[in-house]
Amino acid sequence: MTKVIVAGAGLGGVSVAFELREELPKDVEIEVVGEGDEFNFVPSNPWVALGTRTRDQVVMPINEIFKKHKITFNGSGIKHIDAEQRKLSLGDGSESEYDYLVLCTGPRLAFENIPGAGPEGGHTQSICTVDHAVKAHDAYKALIENPGPVLVGALPGASCFGPAYEYVLSLEYELRKLKIRDKVPITFVTPEPYVGHMGLGGVGDSKGLMEHKFREHGIKWICNAKVTEFTETEAHVELVDDDGNVKSTQQMPFNLAMFLPAFKGSEAVAEVPNLCNPKGFVKTNTFQRAEAYPEIYAAGVCVAIAPIEETPVPVGAPKTGLMIESMTSAIVTNIKASINGSEAWVEPTLSALCLADMGNTGAAFLAVPQNPPRNRNWTGSGRWVHWAKVAFEKYFMFKVKMGTSEPVYEKVGLRMMGIKRLK
């Protein structure tokens, strides 16, 4: 009997597990190994941080859903990967062997890079996990009681910028509703060379759009910013020129600071010999297959993707939801081909579609493919984006509950926009 193990139960892990179950023969055993027994719809975490969603609204128990679709689940996590023997050591002390391993392990949050960063032992908030978002909501409530300066942004080496833009503009909207916006100066602090870069070299006129949004809502911004330390009430920031040389330093006070960190690969994956780059991201070929181990595949944040371009302060390339789903679809097709002894390998299109909520409006970004040069390169904004993001949240949670990966109406909708998952 063939066995496929999926490591990770986030957006990529559940997508690939359900698609494997749909596409592979019933006698193929599929097991998912996650950390904990909940699925978190991560794109909703900014809403949790601002109190427009509760924790229970953006998570769901995943074990029974997998069981219903004849997928084995273990929520104890992976402690060690023996890639030579094709065997995993799990957090509950058990071991599990595989014929194919799909890594969707997501990132390790590298708050340790910057002294004082992070919600666990540091002085800043995060929305990278739902529990971080819950803590960020407590900080938001404290800000309402004691208004003062707010800093929002990303740390050097970060590759995920969209949630920071969502958070800062949604926060501004909520403060206006409470009529305390005049008491809360907001500054966006980013390593990007310009706002709207987002690790993608910009998408359409994202630079002009984000500058307009910030001016319209009275948000200051600082680019080419290298945060070096946080104290309880201040951020220490170096501002660099286009050559990367420090031209000035600032100590910026805050009552609330929310910063997205740089990512690294999970420890269990990073320690596998020859599998990863120095940051712990899996080195794959164009078929999402590990270069060092042909029976291992990888999708999502754990995949090594080179930065789009060199920037004065390092930034990474993001892995957006559509991009991840195109990776998982390619993996399923290629594993199916391998099992059948076929050479019909496919590649993901790696397109990016991002819906960024901004309170009662929003911005949408489409890049086909994600990395330039592109066939499509478009940015739009309006209230429709806010409602599209709400609809997408409900839709994806419904997909998870139903145990499906890409219903036919989703395929039709993407094709109408000129988007395909696979080449």
Protein backbone atom coordinates (compact mmCIF):
# COMPACT_ATOMS: atom_id res chain seq x y z
CA MET A 1 0.00 0.00 0.00
CA THR A 2 1.27 3.46 -0.92
CA LYS A 3 1.33 6.03 1.88
CA VAL A 4 1.50 9.81 1.53
CA ILE A 5 2.16 11.97 4.58
CA VAL A 6 1.35 15.67 4.57
CA ALA A 7 3.33 17.67 7.13
CA GLY A 8 1.31 20.71 8.18
CA ALA A 9 -2.41 21.42 8.55
CA GLY A 10 -2.59 25.05 7.46
CA LEU A 11 -3.87 26.50 4.18
CA GLY A 12 -1.48 24.42 2.08
CA GLY A 13 -1.70 21.25 4.15
CA VAL A 14 -5.48 20.94 4.13
CA SER A 15 -5.65 21.85 0.43
CA VAL A 16 -3.16 19.20 -0.63
CA ALA A 17 -4.62 16.55 1.68
CA PHE A 18 -8.16 16.93 0.33
CA GLU A 19 -6.95 17.05 -3.27
CA LEU A 20 -4.82 13.94 -2.75
CA ARG A 21 -7.88 12.13 -1.40
CA GLU A 22 -9.94 13.23 -4.41
CA GLU A 23 -7.33 12.29 -7.01
CA LEU A 24 -5.55 9.18 -5.68
CA PRO A 25 -6.95 5.64 -5.47
CA LYS A 26 -8.84 4.73 -2.30
CA ASP A 27 -6.18 2.20 -1.30
CA VAL A 28 -3.56 5.00 -0.99
CA GLU A 29 -3.21 5.91 2.67
CA ILE A 30 -3.07 9.63 3.44
CA GLU A 31 -1.93 10.97 6.81
CA VAL A 32 -1.69 14.59 7.93
CA VAL A 33 0.62 15.60 10.77
CA GLY A 34 -0.09 19.01 12.27
CA GLU A 35 0.65 20.90 15.45
CA GLY A 36 -2.54 21.00 17.49
CA ASP A 37 -6.01 19.91 16.40
CA GLU A 38 -7.28 23.19 14.91
CA PHE A 39 -7.30 24.73 11.46
CA ASN A 40 -6.78 28.52 11.50
CA PHE A 41 -7.81 30.66 8.55
CA VAL A 42 -4.77 32.90 8.87
CA PRO A 43 -5.97 35.71 6.51
CA SER A 44 -8.64 36.55 9.13
CA ASN A 45 -6.14 37.12 11.94
CA PRO A 46 -6.01 40.93 11.40
CA TRP A 47 -9.75 40.99 12.11
CA VAL A 48 -9.23 39.01 15.33
CA ALA A 49 -6.58 41.52 16.42
CA LEU A 50 -9.09 44.37 16.03
CA GLY A 51 -12.07 42.58 17.53
CA THR A 52 -14.21 42.24 14.40
CA ARG A 53 -13.78 38.45 14.63
CA THR A 54 -13.40 36.18 17.62
CA ARG A 55 -10.92 33.35 17.83
CA ASP A 56 -13.71 30.78 17.51
CA GLN A 57 -14.88 32.32 14.24
CA VAL A 58 -11.57 31.75 12.44
CA VAL A 59 -10.59 28.29 13.71
CA MET A 60 -12.26 24.89 13.49
CA PRO A 61 -11.47 21.38 14.78
CA ILE A 62 -9.87 19.50 11.93
CA ASN A 63 -9.59 15.88 13.16
CA GLU A 64 -13.22 14.89 12.56
CA ILE A 65 -13.20 16.50 9.10
CA PHE A 66 -10.15 14.50 8.06
CA LYS A 67 -11.64 11.33 9.59
CA LYS A 68 -14.84 11.80 7.59
CA HIS A 69 -12.79 11.84 4.39
CA LYS A 70 -10.67 8.84 5.38
CA ILE A 71 -7.55 10.87 6.11
CA THR A 72 -5.55 9.95 9.21
CA PHE A 73 -4.58 12.88 11.44
CA ASN A 74 -1.95 13.32 14.14
CA GLY A 75 -1.74 16.68 15.91
CA SER A 76 1.47 16.10 17.87
CA GLY A 77 3.85 17.60 15.31
CA ILE A 78 7.08 16.32 13.75
CA LYS A 79 10.22 16.04 15.85
CA HIS A 80 12.57 14.47 13.32
CA ILE A 81 12.63 13.51 9.64
CA ASP A 82 14.78 10.55 8.54
CA ALA A 83 14.72 11.23 4.81
CA GLU A 84 17.01 8.29 3.98
CA GLN A 85 14.70 5.79 5.69
CA ARG A 86 11.52 7.70 4.78
CA LYS A 87 10.40 7.84 8.39
CA LEU A 88 9.07 10.53 10.74
CA SER A 89 9.42 10.73 14.51
CA LEU A 90 6.32 12.44 15.92
CA GLY A 91 5.69 14.50 19.02
CA ASP A 92 3.70 11.76 20.74
CA GLY A 93 6.66 9.34 20.55
CA SER A 94 5.32 7.35 17.59
CA GLU A 95 6.94 6.86 14.21
CA SER A 96 5.38 6.93 10.75
CA GLU A 97 6.83 5.71 7.46
CA TYR A 98 5.98 7.17 4.07
CA ASP A 99 6.39 6.61 0.35
CA TYR A 100 5.82 10.31 -0.39
CA LEU A 101 6.16 13.25 1.97
CA VAL A 102 4.56 16.63 1.26
CA LEU A 103 5.97 19.47 3.35
CA CYS A 104 3.51 22.30 4.07
CA THR A 105 5.06 23.21 7.40
CA GLY A 106 4.84 26.98 7.05
CA PRO A 107 7.30 29.35 8.72
CA ARG A 108 9.14 29.61 11.97
CA LEU A 109 8.74 33.21 13.15
CA ALA A 110 12.24 34.65 13.59
CA PHE A 111 11.49 37.29 16.24
CA GLU A 112 14.82 36.44 17.85
CA ASN A 113 16.57 38.36 15.05
CA ILE A 114 15.57 41.68 16.65
CA PRO A 115 15.98 42.22 20.43
CA GLY A 116 12.66 43.01 22.07
CA ALA A 117 10.52 41.84 19.14
CA GLY A 118 7.51 39.56 19.40
CA PRO A 119 4.54 39.00 21.69
CA GLU A 120 6.21 36.26 23.74
CA GLY A 121 8.83 37.94 25.89
CA GLY A 122 9.09 40.99 23.65
CA HIS A 123 7.34 44.34 23.31
CA THR A 124 5.58 44.06 19.93
CA GLN A 125 2.42 42.41 18.66
CA SER A 126 1.94 39.95 15.80
CA ILE A 127 -0.93 38.61 13.70
CA CYS A 128 0.95 35.60 12.30
CA THR A 129 -1.00 33.12 14.46
CA VAL A 130 -4.49 33.28 15.91
CA ASP A 131 -3.15 33.26 19.46
CA HIS A 132 -0.84 36.16 18.62
CA ALA A 133 -3.87 37.96 17.19
CA VAL A 134 -5.77 37.43 20.45
CA LYS A 135 -2.88 39.05 22.35
CA ALA A 136 -2.83 41.87 19.80
CA HIS A 137 -6.51 42.47 20.51
CA ASP A 138 -5.70 42.91 24.20
CA ALA A 139 -3.07 45.49 23.19
CA TYR A 140 -5.64 47.22 20.97
CA LYS A 141 -8.09 47.48 23.87
CA ALA A 142 -5.30 48.95 26.02
CA LEU A 143 -4.63 51.51 23.27
CA ILE A 144 -8.27 52.57 23.33
CA GLU A 145 -7.99 53.16 27.08
CA ASN A 146 -4.67 54.97 26.72
CA PRO A 147 -4.34 56.47 23.21
CA GLY A 148 -0.88 57.26 21.88
CA PRO A 149 1.55 56.62 19.02
CA VAL A 150 1.24 53.43 16.97
CA LEU A 151 3.93 51.80 14.84
CA VAL A 152 3.03 49.13 12.28
CA GLY A 153 5.25 47.42 9.75
CA ALA A 154 7.73 44.65 9.10
CA LEU A 155 11.19 43.68 10.27
CA PRO A 156 14.31 43.28 8.09
CA GLY A 157 14.13 40.14 5.96
CA ALA A 158 10.34 39.92 6.13
CA SER A 159 8.55 38.47 3.12
CA CYS A 160 4.90 38.85 4.14
CA PHE A 161 3.72 42.46 3.96
CA GLY A 162 0.03 42.31 2.99
CA PRO A 163 -1.25 41.68 6.54
CA ALA A 164 0.66 44.73 7.83
CA TYR A 165 -1.06 46.96 5.25
CA GLU A 166 -4.41 45.41 6.12
CA TYR A 167 -3.85 45.86 9.84
CA VAL A 168 -2.69 49.49 9.72
CA LEU A 169 -5.55 50.70 7.51
CA SER A 170 -8.18 48.64 9.33
CA LEU A 171 -6.86 49.94 12.67
CA GLU A 172 -7.12 53.50 11.37
CA TYR A 173 -10.73 52.84 10.36
CA GLU A 174 -11.64 51.41 13.77
CA LEU A 175 -10.03 54.37 15.58
CA ARG A 176 -12.03 56.79 13.44
CA LYS A 177 -15.23 54.94 14.34
CA LEU A 178 -14.34 55.35 18.02
CA LYS A 179 -13.58 59.06 17.42
CA ILE A 180 -10.10 58.80 18.97
CA ARG A 181 -8.09 58.86 15.73
CA ASP A 182 -6.89 62.39 16.53
CA LYS A 183 -5.17 61.02 19.64
CA VAL A 184 -3.29 58.25 17.81
CA PRO A 185 -0.49 59.19 15.37
CA ILE A 186 0.28 56.20 13.14
CA THR A 187 3.55 55.47 11.30
CA PHE A 188 4.18 52.58 8.91
CA VAL A 189 7.79 51.36 9.22
CA THR A 190 8.98 48.97 6.52
CA PRO A 191 12.19 47.57 5.01
CA GLU A 192 10.58 47.87 1.56
CA PRO A 193 12.21 50.44 -0.77
CA TYR A 194 8.76 52.00 -1.24
CA VAL A 195 5.27 51.37 0.10
CA GLY A 196 3.40 48.93 -2.10
CA HIS A 197 6.54 46.99 -3.01
CA MET A 198 5.35 44.00 -0.90
CA GLY A 199 8.35 41.88 -1.79
CA LEU A 200 7.03 41.68 -5.36
CA GLY A 201 8.63 44.74 -6.92
CA GLY A 202 5.16 46.27 -6.88
CA VAL A 203 2.01 45.04 -8.61
CA GLY A 204 0.41 47.42 -11.10
CA ASP A 205 0.30 50.85 -9.46
CA SER A 206 0.49 49.46 -5.92
CA LYS A 207 3.01 52.16 -4.99
CA GLY A 208 0.70 54.99 -6.04
CA LEU A 209 -2.33 53.28 -4.47
CA MET A 210 -0.73 52.73 -1.07
CA GLU A 211 0.78 56.21 -0.95
CA HIS A 212 -2.66 57.63 -1.74
CA LYS A 213 -4.31 55.52 0.98
CA PHE A 214 -1.73 56.57 3.56
CA ARG A 215 -2.03 60.26 2.67
CA GLU A 216 -5.82 60.06 2.65
CA HIS A 217 -5.87 58.57 6.15
CA GLY A 218 -3.05 60.58 7.68
CA ILE A 219 -0.61 57.68 8.06
CA LYS A 220 3.09 58.55 7.86
CA TRP A 221 5.51 56.05 6.39
CA ILE A 222 9.23 55.28 6.53
CA CYS A 223 10.85 53.00 3.91
CA ASN A 224 14.32 51.41 3.78
CA ALA A 225 13.93 51.10 7.54
CA LYS A 226 15.98 48.61 9.52
CA VAL A 227 14.57 48.08 13.02
CA THR A 228 17.44 47.11 15.32
CA GLU A 229 15.79 46.88 18.76
CA PHE A 230 12.57 47.39 20.69
CA THR A 231 12.35 48.58 24.25
CA GLU A 232 9.08 48.67 26.16
CA THR A 233 8.14 52.04 24.70
CA GLU A 234 10.51 52.72 21.76
CA ALA A 235 11.63 51.27 18.45
CA HIS A 236 15.25 51.87 17.46
CA VAL A 237 15.39 52.28 13.68
CA GLU A 238 18.21 52.77 11.18
CA LEU A 239 17.30 54.50 7.92
CA VAL A 240 19.50 53.47 5.00
CA ASP A 241 20.18 55.00 1.60
CA ASP A 242 19.86 53.26 -1.76
CA ASP A 243 23.29 51.69 -1.32
CA GLY A 244 22.39 50.20 2.07
CA ASN A 245 24.45 52.67 4.10
CA VAL A 246 22.97 54.02 7.35
CA LYS A 247 22.13 57.68 6.86
CA SER A 248 20.32 58.34 10.17
CA THR A 249 18.87 56.67 13.26
CA GLN A 250 15.63 57.27 15.11
CA GLN A 251 14.09 56.32 18.44
CA MET A 252 10.37 56.10 17.77
CA PRO A 253 7.98 56.01 20.75
CA PHE A 254 4.88 53.80 20.71
CA ASN A 255 1.92 52.77 22.82
CA LEU A 256 1.28 49.87 20.45
CA ALA A 257 3.62 48.29 17.90
CA MET A 258 2.68 45.49 15.49
CA PHE A 259 5.52 44.15 13.31
CA LEU A 260 5.68 41.13 11.04
CA PRO A 261 8.93 39.16 11.40
CA ALA A 262 11.28 37.48 8.98
CA PHE A 263 10.56 33.79 8.41
CA LYS A 264 12.74 30.71 8.71
CA GLY A 265 12.02 27.05 8.02
CA SER A 266 10.77 24.76 10.78
CA GLU A 267 13.53 23.12 12.79
CA ALA A 268 12.61 19.53 11.91
CA VAL A 269 12.73 20.34 8.19
CA ALA A 270 15.82 22.56 8.37
CA GLU A 271 17.95 19.85 9.98
CA VAL A 272 17.46 17.32 7.15
CA PRO A 273 20.81 17.06 5.31
CA ASN A 274 20.91 18.79 1.90
CA LEU A 275 17.16 19.49 1.89
CA CYS A 276 17.13 23.21 2.65
CA ASN A 277 18.93 26.49 2.08
CA PRO A 278 20.67 28.24 5.02
CA LYS A 279 17.36 29.75 6.20
CA GLY A 280 15.72 26.34 6.40
CA PHE A 281 13.55 26.64 3.28
CA VAL A 282 13.16 23.56 1.06
CA LYS A 283 15.05 23.63 -2.25
CA THR A 284 12.69 22.33 -4.95
CA ASN A 285 12.70 22.01 -8.71
CA THR A 286 9.96 23.41 -10.96
CA PHE A 287 7.73 20.44 -10.14
CA GLN A 288 7.79 21.26 -6.39
CA ARG A 289 9.96 18.19 -5.84
CA ALA A 290 12.88 18.40 -3.42
CA GLU A 291 16.20 18.52 -5.22
CA ALA A 292 17.87 16.15 -2.75
CA TYR A 293 15.03 13.65 -2.17
CA PRO A 294 12.69 12.83 -5.11
CA GLU A 295 9.99 11.40 -2.82
CA ILE A 296 9.68 14.71 -0.91
CA TYR A 297 7.61 17.62 -2.20
CA ALA A 298 7.03 21.05 -0.68
CA ALA A 299 4.49 23.86 -0.98
CA GLY A 300 3.88 27.23 0.62
CA VAL A 301 6.03 29.33 2.92
CA CYS A 302 8.48 26.48 3.55
CA VAL A 303 9.65 26.57 -0.10
CA ALA A 304 12.84 28.41 -1.02
CA ILE A 305 12.10 31.25 -3.47
CA ALA A 306 14.73 33.85 -4.25
CA PRO A 307 13.91 37.53 -3.63
CA ILE A 308 12.45 39.35 -6.64
CA GLU A 309 15.27 41.90 -6.58
CA GLU A 310 18.07 43.19 -4.38
CA THR A 311 16.91 45.94 -2.02
CA PRO A 312 18.83 48.24 0.38
CA VAL A 313 17.24 46.43 3.35
CA PRO A 314 16.65 42.73 2.62
CA VAL A 315 13.07 41.65 1.88
CA GLY A 316 11.85 38.25 0.78
CA ALA A 317 9.30 37.10 -1.80
CA PRO A 318 5.84 36.28 -0.39
CA LYS A 319 3.87 33.09 -0.98
CA THR A 320 0.24 34.06 -1.37
CA GLY A 321 -2.81 31.80 -1.07
CA LEU A 322 -3.41 31.25 -4.80
CA MET A 323 0.30 30.65 -5.33
CA ILE A 324 0.28 28.00 -2.57
CA GLU A 325 -2.79 26.29 -4.02
CA SER A 326 -1.14 26.14 -7.44
CA MET A 327 1.85 24.46 -5.80
CA THR A 328 -0.38 21.90 -4.06
CA SER A 329 -2.27 21.10 -7.27
CA ALA A 330 1.03 20.50 -9.09
CA ILE A 331 2.21 18.24 -6.27
CA VAL A 332 -0.95 16.13 -6.38
CA THR A 333 -0.75 15.76 -10.17
CA ASN A 334 2.93 14.82 -10.00
CA ILE A 335 2.51 12.30 -7.16
CA LYS A 336 -0.35 10.71 -9.10
CA ALA A 337 1.87 10.52 -12.18
CA SER A 338 4.68 8.96 -10.13
CA ILE A 339 2.37 6.32 -8.65
CA ASN A 340 1.09 5.48 -12.14
CA GLY A 341 4.60 5.38 -13.60
CA SER A 342 3.84 8.29 -15.91
CA GLU A 343 6.15 11.09 -17.05
CA ALA A 344 3.31 13.65 -17.29
CA TRP A 345 4.83 16.15 -14.88
CA VAL A 346 3.29 19.61 -14.45
CA GLU A 347 4.45 22.93 -13.02
CA PRO A 348 2.48 25.45 -10.94
CA THR A 349 1.74 28.82 -12.53
CA LEU A 350 2.74 30.60 -9.28
CA SER A 351 0.30 33.44 -9.77
CA ALA A 352 -0.56 35.85 -6.95
CA LEU A 353 -4.04 37.14 -6.09
CA CYS A 354 -4.29 39.18 -2.90
CA LEU A 355 -7.38 40.74 -1.31
CA ALA A 356 -6.33 43.27 1.33
CA ASP A 357 -9.15 44.48 3.61
CA MET A 358 -8.92 48.06 4.88
CA GLY A 359 -11.88 48.42 7.20
CA ASN A 360 -14.80 49.33 4.95
CA THR A 361 -12.82 49.27 1.72
CA GLY A 362 -9.80 47.38 0.37
CA ALA A 363 -7.24 46.79 -2.37
CA ALA A 364 -6.81 43.84 -4.73
CA PHE A 365 -3.58 42.79 -6.43
CA LEU A 366 -3.21 40.31 -9.30
CA ALA A 367 0.16 39.20 -10.67
CA VAL A 368 0.31 36.44 -13.32
CA PRO A 369 2.85 35.04 -12.68
CA GLN A 370 3.98 36.42 -9.33
CA ASN A 371 7.53 37.19 -10.45
CA PRO A 372 8.07 39.72 -13.27
CA PRO A 373 7.93 39.86 -16.23
CA ARG A 374 4.20 39.20 -16.00
CA ASN A 375 1.36 38.40 -18.35
CA ARG A 376 -1.08 40.27 -16.11
CA ASN A 377 -0.25 43.00 -13.62
CA TRP A 378 -3.25 44.70 -12.05
CA THR A 379 -4.28 46.63 -8.94
CA GLY A 380 -7.79 47.73 -7.97
CA SER A 381 -9.54 49.13 -4.92
CA GLY A 382 -12.98 49.86 -3.52
CA ARG A 383 -15.60 48.62 -1.11
CA TRP A 384 -16.08 45.53 -3.24
CA VAL A 385 -12.68 44.26 -2.08
CA HIS A 386 -13.81 44.32 1.57
CA TRP A 387 -16.85 42.21 0.73
CA ALA A 388 -14.80 39.94 -1.52
CA LYS A 389 -12.42 39.25 1.38
CA VAL A 390 -15.37 38.47 3.68
CA ALA A 391 -16.83 36.15 1.03
CA PHE A 392 -13.47 34.43 0.52
CA GLU A 393 -13.17 33.77 4.26
CA LYS A 394 -16.61 32.12 4.33
CA TYR A 395 -15.91 30.22 1.13
CA PHE A 396 -12.56 28.78 2.23
CA MET A 397 -13.90 27.74 5.63
CA PHE A 398 -16.79 26.04 3.78
CA LYS A 399 -14.28 24.22 1.54
CA VAL A 400 -12.46 22.90 4.60
CA LYS A 401 -15.69 21.76 6.24
CA MET A 402 -16.72 19.99 3.04
CA GLY A 403 -13.27 18.47 2.49
CA THR A 404 -12.80 19.70 -1.07
CA SER A 405 -9.90 21.52 -2.71
CA GLU A 406 -11.11 23.20 -5.92
CA PRO A 407 -14.83 22.89 -6.80
CA VAL A 408 -15.74 23.27 -10.46
CA TYR A 409 -17.22 26.74 -9.95
CA GLU A 410 -13.87 27.91 -8.53
CA LYS A 411 -12.08 26.62 -11.62
CA VAL A 412 -14.55 28.44 -13.85
CA GLY A 413 -14.22 31.67 -11.83
CA LEU A 414 -10.42 31.63 -12.03
CA ARG A 415 -10.47 30.92 -15.76
CA MET A 416 -12.77 33.91 -16.28
CA MET A 417 -10.01 36.01 -14.70
CA GLY A 418 -7.39 34.40 -16.90
CA ILE A 419 -5.88 32.39 -14.02
CA LYS A 420 -4.89 28.74 -14.07
CA ARG A 421 -3.24 26.78 -11.27
CA LEU A 422 -1.09 24.64 -13.56
CA LYS A 423 1.03 25.14 -16.65
